[in-house]
C-alpha atoms as a PDB file:
ATOM      1  CA  MET A   1     -13.362  -1.193 -40.876  1.00  0.00           C
ATOM      2  CA  PRO A   2     -13.352   0.918 -37.683  1.00  0.00           C
ATOM      3  CA  ASP A   3     -10.757   0.136 -35.026  1.00  0.00           C
ATOM      4  CA  SER A   4     -12.382  -2.108 -32.386  1.00  0.00           C
ATOM      5  CA  LYS A   5      -9.844  -1.171 -29.711  1.00  0.00           C
ATOM      6  CA  PRO A   6     -10.939   1.521 -27.244  1.00  0.00           C
ATOM      7  CA  SER A   7      -9.158   4.838 -27.581  1.00  0.00           C
ATOM      8  CA  VAL A   8      -7.004   6.242 -24.798  1.00  0.00           C
ATOM      9  CA  LEU A   9      -9.495   9.111 -24.450  1.00  0.00           C
ATOM     10  CA  LYS A  10     -12.406   6.677 -24.070  1.00  0.00           C
ATOM     11  CA  ILE A  11     -10.521   4.703 -21.410  1.00  0.00           C
ATOM     12  CA  ALA A  12      -9.834   7.899 -19.506  1.00  0.00           C
ATOM     13  CA  ARG A  13     -13.490   8.921 -19.625  1.00  0.00           C
ATOM     14  CA  GLU A  14     -14.726   5.527 -18.503  1.00  0.00           C
ATOM     15  CA  SER A  15     -12.290   5.546 -15.576  1.00  0.00           C
ATOM     16  CA  GLY A  16     -14.271   8.369 -13.969  1.00  0.00           C
ATOM     17  CA  ARG A  17     -12.118  11.357 -14.876  1.00  0.00           C
ATOM     18  CA  GLU A  18     -14.967  13.440 -16.246  1.00  0.00           C
ATOM     19  CA  GLU A  19     -15.264  15.415 -13.038  1.00  0.00           C
ATOM     20  CA  ALA A  20     -14.988  19.135 -12.387  1.00  0.00           C
ATOM     21  CA  ARG A  21     -11.219  19.201 -12.043  1.00  0.00           C
ATOM     22  CA  ALA A  22      -8.154  19.695 -14.209  1.00  0.00           C
ATOM     23  CA  PRO A  23      -7.517  16.843 -16.639  1.00  0.00           C
ATOM     24  CA  LEU A  24      -4.890  14.350 -15.602  1.00  0.00           C
ATOM     25  CA  ASP A  25      -1.469  14.595 -17.272  1.00  0.00           C
ATOM     26  CA  LEU A  26      -0.792  10.972 -18.270  1.00  0.00           C
ATOM     27  CA  GLY A  27       2.932  11.520 -18.692  1.00  0.00           C
ATOM     28  CA  GLU A  28       3.231  13.052 -15.242  1.00  0.00           C
ATOM     29  CA  ARG A  29       1.071  10.285 -13.782  1.00  0.00           C
ATOM     30  CA  VAL A  30       3.332   7.590 -15.277  1.00  0.00           C
ATOM     31  CA  ARG A  31       6.428   9.369 -13.969  1.00  0.00           C
ATOM     32  CA  GLU A  32       4.934   9.630 -10.463  1.00  0.00           C
ATOM     33  CA  LEU A  33       4.041   5.933 -10.448  1.00  0.00           C
ATOM     34  CA  ARG A  34       7.517   4.989 -11.660  1.00  0.00           C
ATOM     35  CA  LYS A  35       9.282   7.120  -9.058  1.00  0.00           C
ATOM     36  CA  ALA A  36       6.980   5.829  -6.300  1.00  0.00           C
ATOM     37  CA  ARG A  37       8.401   2.389  -7.077  1.00  0.00           C
ATOM     38  CA  ASP A  38      11.950   3.773  -7.102  1.00  0.00           C
ATOM     39  CA  TRP A  39      12.464   2.558 -10.674  1.00  0.00           C
ATOM     40  CA  THR A  40      14.765   4.099 -13.227  1.00  0.00           C
ATOM     41  CA  LEU A  41      13.414   4.885 -16.677  1.00  0.00           C
ATOM     42  CA  GLU A  42      15.261   1.824 -17.980  1.00  0.00           C
ATOM     43  CA  GLN A  43      13.799  -0.472 -15.297  1.00  0.00           C
ATOM     44  CA  ALA A  44      10.236   0.743 -15.891  1.00  0.00           C
ATOM     45  CA  ALA A  45      10.616   0.371 -19.653  1.00  0.00           C
ATOM     46  CA  GLN A  46      11.829  -3.212 -19.258  1.00  0.00           C
ATOM     47  CA  LYS A  47       8.928  -4.118 -16.962  1.00  0.00           C
ATOM     48  CA  ALA A  48       6.423  -2.606 -19.401  1.00  0.00           C
ATOM     49  CA  GLY A  49       8.056  -4.129 -22.460  1.00  0.00           C
ATOM     50  CA  LEU A  50       8.557  -0.714 -24.068  1.00  0.00           C
ATOM     51  CA  ALA A  51      11.591   0.996 -25.499  1.00  0.00           C
ATOM     52  CA  ARG A  52      13.254   3.411 -23.082  1.00  0.00           C
ATOM     53  CA  SER A  53      12.894   6.204 -25.633  1.00  0.00           C
ATOM     54  CA  THR A  54       9.162   5.507 -25.977  1.00  0.00           C
ATOM     55  CA  LEU A  55       8.593   5.675 -22.227  1.00  0.00           C
ATOM     56  CA  SER A  56      10.634   8.873 -22.032  1.00  0.00           C
ATOM     57  CA  LYS A  57       8.498  10.495 -24.735  1.00  0.00           C
ATOM     58  CA  ILE A  58       5.288   9.427 -22.950  1.00  0.00           C
ATOM     59  CA  GLU A  59       6.463  10.861 -19.631  1.00  0.00           C
ATOM     60  CA  ASN A  60       7.484  14.135 -21.280  1.00  0.00           C
ATOM     61  CA  GLY A  61       4.261  14.498 -23.226  1.00  0.00           C
ATOM     62  CA  GLN A  62       6.023  14.152 -26.558  1.00  0.00           C
ATOM     63  CA  MET A  63       3.775  11.340 -27.782  1.00  0.00           C
ATOM     64  CA  SER A  64       0.307   9.980 -27.102  1.00  0.00           C
ATOM     65  CA  PRO A  65       0.505   6.279 -26.245  1.00  0.00           C
ATOM     66  CA  THR A  66      -1.441   3.715 -28.222  1.00  0.00           C
ATOM     67  CA  PHE A  67      -3.895   1.433 -26.460  1.00  0.00           C
ATOM     68  CA  ASP A  68      -1.296  -1.351 -26.614  1.00  0.00           C
ATOM     69  CA  ALA A  69       1.269   0.900 -24.914  1.00  0.00           C
ATOM     70  CA  VAL A  70      -1.279   1.854 -22.234  1.00  0.00           C
ATOM     71  CA  ARG A  71      -2.006  -1.805 -21.581  1.00  0.00           C
ATOM     72  CA  LYS A  72       1.720  -2.573 -21.297  1.00  0.00           C
ATOM     73  CA  LEU A  73       2.239   0.355 -18.927  1.00  0.00           C
ATOM     74  CA  ALA A  74      -0.569  -0.792 -16.642  1.00  0.00           C
ATOM     75  CA  THR A  75       0.757  -4.365 -16.647  1.00  0.00           C
ATOM     76  CA  GLY A  76       4.315  -3.233 -15.968  1.00  0.00           C
ATOM     77  CA  LEU A  77       3.199  -0.993 -13.095  1.00  0.00           C
ATOM     78  CA  ASP A  78       0.953  -3.797 -11.761  1.00  0.00           C
ATOM     79  CA  ILE A  79      -2.189  -1.659 -11.764  1.00  0.00           C
ATOM     80  CA  SER A  80      -5.440  -1.671 -13.753  1.00  0.00           C
ATOM     81  CA  ILE A  81      -5.901   0.581 -16.774  1.00  0.00           C
ATOM     82  CA  PRO A  82      -8.498   2.773 -14.961  1.00  0.00           C
ATOM     83  CA  GLN A  83      -6.030   3.255 -12.086  1.00  0.00           C
ATOM     84  CA  LEU A  84      -3.478   4.529 -14.574  1.00  0.00           C
ATOM     85  CA  PHE A  85      -5.877   7.332 -15.495  1.00  0.00           C
ATOM     86  CA  THR A  86      -7.135   8.030 -11.985  1.00  0.00           C
ATOM     87  CA  ALA A  87      -4.891   9.978  -9.664  1.00  0.00           C
ATOM     88  CA  PRO A  88      -5.437   9.727  -5.882  1.00  0.00           C
ATOM     89  CA  LYS A  89      -8.073  12.192  -4.645  1.00  0.00           C
ATOM     90  CA  SER A  90      -5.770  13.258  -1.839  1.00  0.00           C
ATOM     91  CA  ASP A  91      -2.019  13.640  -1.512  1.00  0.00           C
ATOM     92  CA  LYS A  92      -2.290  12.565   2.113  1.00  0.00           C
ATOM     93  CA  VAL A  93      -0.804   9.124   2.733  1.00  0.00           C
ATOM     94  CA  LEU A  94      -1.817   7.540   6.032  1.00  0.00           C
ATOM     95  CA  ALA A  95       0.855   4.840   5.754  1.00  0.00           C
ATOM     96  CA  ARG A  96      -1.073   2.564   8.097  1.00  0.00           C
ATOM     97  CA  ARG A  97      -0.227  -1.103   8.320  1.00  0.00           C
ATOM     98  CA  ALA A  98      -1.105  -3.998  10.578  1.00  0.00           C
ATOM     99  CA  ILE A  99       0.380  -7.493  10.632  1.00  0.00           C
ATOM    100  CA  THR A 100      -1.581 -10.283  12.304  1.00  0.00           C
ATOM    101  CA  ARG A 101       0.275 -13.562  12.703  1.00  0.00           C
ATOM    102  CA  SER A 102      -1.660 -16.792  12.438  1.00  0.00           C
ATOM    103  CA  GLY A 103      -3.609 -17.420  15.624  1.00  0.00           C
ATOM    104  CA  GLU A 104      -2.772 -14.015  17.111  1.00  0.00           C
ATOM    105  CA  GLY A 105      -6.012 -12.213  16.250  1.00  0.00           C
ATOM    106  CA  ARG A 106      -8.361 -10.985  18.955  1.00  0.00           C
ATOM    107  CA  GLY A 107     -10.836 -13.704  19.866  1.00  0.00           C
ATOM    108  CA  LEU A 108     -14.587 -13.284  20.076  1.00  0.00           C
ATOM    109  CA  ILE A 109     -16.675 -16.382  20.802  1.00  0.00           C
ATOM    110  CA  THR A 110     -20.428 -16.674  20.267  1.00  0.00           C
ATOM    111  CA  PRO A 111     -22.716 -19.740  20.451  1.00  0.00           C
ATOM    112  CA  THR A 112     -22.576 -20.122  16.651  1.00  0.00           C
ATOM    113  CA  TYR A 113     -19.199 -18.666  15.620  1.00  0.00           C
ATOM    114  CA  GLU A 114     -15.672 -18.353  16.956  1.00  0.00           C
ATOM    115  CA  HIS A 115     -14.268 -15.137  15.509  1.00  0.00           C
ATOM    116  CA  GLU A 116     -10.640 -14.089  15.217  1.00  0.00           C
ATOM    117  CA  ILE A 117     -10.545 -10.334  14.587  1.00  0.00           C
ATOM    118  CA  LEU A 118      -7.642  -9.394  12.303  1.00  0.00           C
ATOM    119  CA  ALA A 119      -5.777  -6.058  12.292  1.00  0.00           C
ATOM    120  CA  SER A 120      -7.430  -5.343  15.641  1.00  0.00           C
ATOM    121  CA  ASP A 121      -4.725  -2.829  16.615  1.00  0.00           C
ATOM    122  CA  LEU A 122      -5.858  -0.387  13.903  1.00  0.00           C
ATOM    123  CA  SER A 123      -8.634   2.023  14.844  1.00  0.00           C
ATOM    124  CA  HIS A 124     -11.024   3.846  12.491  1.00  0.00           C
ATOM    125  CA  LYS A 125     -10.727   1.177   9.801  1.00  0.00           C
ATOM    126  CA  GLN A 126     -12.943   1.287   6.723  1.00  0.00           C
ATOM    127  CA  MET A 127     -13.343  -2.485   6.754  1.00  0.00           C
ATOM    128  CA  MET A 128     -13.256  -5.214   9.390  1.00  0.00           C
ATOM    129  CA  PRO A 129     -11.482  -8.468   8.419  1.00  0.00           C
ATOM    130  CA  TYR A 130     -11.855 -11.579  10.540  1.00  0.00           C
ATOM    131  CA  ARG A 131     -11.637 -15.347  10.405  1.00  0.00           C
ATOM    132  CA  ALA A 132     -14.608 -17.262  11.687  1.00  0.00           C
ATOM    133  CA  THR A 133     -14.885 -20.873  12.749  1.00  0.00           C
ATOM    134  CA  VAL A 134     -18.483 -21.884  11.998  1.00  0.00           C
ATOM    135  CA  ARG A 135     -19.825 -24.025  14.829  1.00  0.00           C
ATOM    136  CA  ALA A 136     -23.528 -23.954  14.000  1.00  0.00           C
ATOM    137  CA  ARG A 137     -24.961 -26.968  12.229  1.00  0.00           C
ATOM    138  CA  SER A 138     -28.568 -25.806  11.963  1.00  0.00           C
ATOM    139  CA  ILE A 139     -30.255 -22.500  11.200  1.00  0.00           C
ATOM    140  CA  ASP A 140     -32.345 -23.090  14.327  1.00  0.00           C
ATOM    141  CA  GLU A 141     -29.268 -22.369  16.458  1.00  0.00           C
ATOM    142  CA  PHE A 142     -29.539 -18.671  15.560  1.00  0.00           C
ATOM    143  CA  ASP A 143     -31.786 -16.248  17.379  1.00  0.00           C
ATOM    144  CA  GLY A 144     -33.120 -14.723  14.169  1.00  0.00           C
ATOM    145  CA  TRP A 145     -31.193 -13.105  11.333  1.00  0.00           C
ATOM    146  CA  VAL A 146     -27.830 -11.415  11.709  1.00  0.00           C
ATOM    147  CA  ARG A 147     -27.982  -7.992  10.067  1.00  0.00           C
ATOM    148  CA  HIS A 148     -25.919  -4.790  10.279  1.00  0.00           C
ATOM    149  CA  ASP A 149     -24.913  -1.765   8.200  1.00  0.00           C
ATOM    150  CA  GLY A 150     -22.443  -1.993   5.348  1.00  0.00           C
ATOM    151  CA  GLU A 151     -21.535  -4.658   2.823  1.00  0.00           C
ATOM    152  CA  GLU A 152     -19.829  -7.965   3.470  1.00  0.00           C
ATOM    153  CA  PHE A 153     -17.547 -10.413   1.677  1.00  0.00           C
ATOM    154  CA  LEU A 154     -17.367 -14.068   2.688  1.00  0.00           C
ATOM    155  CA  TYR A 155     -14.686 -16.519   1.491  1.00  0.00           C
ATOM    156  CA  VAL A 156     -14.619 -20.197   2.463  1.00  0.00           C
ATOM    157  CA  LEU A 157     -11.169 -21.267   3.684  1.00  0.00           C
ATOM    158  CA  THR A 158     -11.927 -24.836   4.763  1.00  0.00           C
ATOM    159  CA  GLY A 159     -14.931 -27.119   4.811  1.00  0.00           C
ATOM    160  CA  VAL A 160     -18.415 -26.684   3.388  1.00  0.00           C
ATOM    161  CA  VAL A 161     -20.941 -24.099   4.560  1.00  0.00           C
ATOM    162  CA  GLU A 162     -24.538 -23.285   3.785  1.00  0.00           C
ATOM    163  CA  PHE A 163     -25.135 -19.579   3.334  1.00  0.00           C
ATOM    164  CA  TYR A 164     -28.609 -18.328   4.234  1.00  0.00           C
ATOM    165  CA  SER A 165     -29.801 -14.885   3.191  1.00  0.00           C
ATOM    166  CA  GLU A 166     -33.161 -13.228   3.744  1.00  0.00           C
ATOM    167  CA  PHE A 167     -34.358 -12.897   0.151  1.00  0.00           C
ATOM    168  CA  TYR A 168     -32.618 -15.874  -1.492  1.00  0.00           C
ATOM    169  CA  GLU A 169     -32.639 -19.624  -1.269  1.00  0.00           C
ATOM    170  CA  PRO A 170     -29.810 -21.161   0.830  1.00  0.00           C
ATOM    171  CA  VAL A 171     -26.675 -21.913  -1.169  1.00  0.00           C
ATOM    172  CA  GLU A 172     -23.843 -24.346  -0.464  1.00  0.00           C
ATOM    173  CA  LEU A 173     -20.330 -22.892  -0.601  1.00  0.00           C
ATOM    174  CA  ARG A 174     -17.139 -24.921  -0.625  1.00  0.00           C
ATOM    175  CA  ARG A 175     -13.464 -24.104  -0.188  1.00  0.00           C
ATOM    176  CA  GLY A 176     -12.566 -21.252  -2.533  1.00  0.00           C
ATOM    177  CA  ASP A 177     -16.177 -20.144  -3.033  1.00  0.00           C
ATOM    178  CA  SER A 178     -17.218 -16.655  -1.979  1.00  0.00           C
ATOM    179  CA  ALA A 179     -20.210 -14.364  -1.561  1.00  0.00           C
ATOM    180  CA  TYR A 180     -20.557 -10.580  -1.557  1.00  0.00           C
ATOM    181  CA  TYR A 181     -23.783  -9.131  -0.192  1.00  0.00           C
ATOM    182  CA  ASP A 182     -25.654  -6.316   1.494  1.00  0.00           C
ATOM    183  CA  ALA A 183     -25.118  -6.923   5.209  1.00  0.00           C
ATOM    184  CA  SER A 184     -28.351  -5.144   6.152  1.00  0.00           C
ATOM    185  CA  MET A 185     -30.083  -8.133   4.559  1.00  0.00           C
ATOM    186  CA  GLY A 186     -30.545 -10.879   7.122  1.00  0.00           C
ATOM    187  CA  HIS A 187     -27.900 -13.597   6.820  1.00  0.00           C
ATOM    188  CA  ASN A 188     -26.522 -16.633   8.639  1.00  0.00           C
ATOM    189  CA  VAL A 189     -23.946 -19.343   7.895  1.00  0.00           C
ATOM    190  CA  ILE A 190     -23.864 -22.938   9.110  1.00  0.00           C
ATOM    191  CA  SER A 191     -21.259 -25.665   8.616  1.00  0.00           C
ATOM    192  CA  ARG A 192     -22.132 -28.721   6.552  1.00  0.00           C
ATOM    193  CA  SER A 193     -18.744 -30.351   7.199  1.00  0.00           C
ATOM    194  CA  GLN A 194     -17.975 -33.027   9.730  1.00  0.00           C
ATOM    195  CA  ASP A 195     -15.541 -30.558  11.266  1.00  0.00           C
ATOM    196  CA  ASP A 196     -16.222 -26.885  11.846  1.00  0.00           C
ATOM    197  CA  ALA A 197     -15.797 -24.887   8.640  1.00  0.00           C
ATOM    198  CA  VAL A 198     -13.541 -21.829   8.580  1.00  0.00           C
ATOM    199  CA  ILE A 199     -14.341 -18.703   6.574  1.00  0.00           C
ATOM    200  CA  LEU A 200     -12.822 -15.273   6.027  1.00  0.00           C
ATOM    201  CA  TRP A 201     -15.203 -12.360   6.467  1.00  0.00           C
ATOM    202  CA  VAL A 202     -14.545  -8.778   5.475  1.00  0.00           C
ATOM    203  CA  THR A 203     -17.164  -6.231   6.539  1.00  0.00           C
ATOM    204  CA  SER A 204     -17.248  -2.646   5.366  1.00  0.00           C
ATOM    205  CA  ILE A 205     -17.638   0.017   8.042  1.00  0.00           C
ATOM    206  CA  PRO A 206     -19.890   2.900   6.907  1.00  0.00           C
ATOM    207  CA  GLN A 207     -18.276   6.262   7.606  1.00  0.00           C
END
């Protein structure tokens, strides 16, 4: 009976490595990830549930890891298996970070929403995160569809909302529910709660 587990080579191919560049050295990649976390060989082996000697042989290219070992490595390093086989496209690290304390985001109030822009001190972001208090109770309160470039992710923090989109029937979303959609498609959100609902929005910013 053929082995049903995917081979390490197949995983590497499916992770997008079949590009016109030198193949990735898995041992070197594991070593880089370990050192980036400031872990000793012993610490990394413990986190991955592997013998120290096994991890050493993998890093030095002395053995090809089994699928089970690959899975343990990814779990121990807290990354996905494709990430293990995909090195960063650039060595440049921007090291950008922004902390926004609760209630300290930049406010933007509209007739239908009260937005709190998060990470507003960072410029040239690739996504725009913000909390929105949904004041609207009827689709008639909007002056047509909201639409813009990029993609958008919506996550309901409190309350119940009704999500309207141009080519779909309205759908009710409750706390913990989410939606991901093309933001160039017309969309609007209203609150169905007694109190204003609160949602988290993350909008991609086309470069």
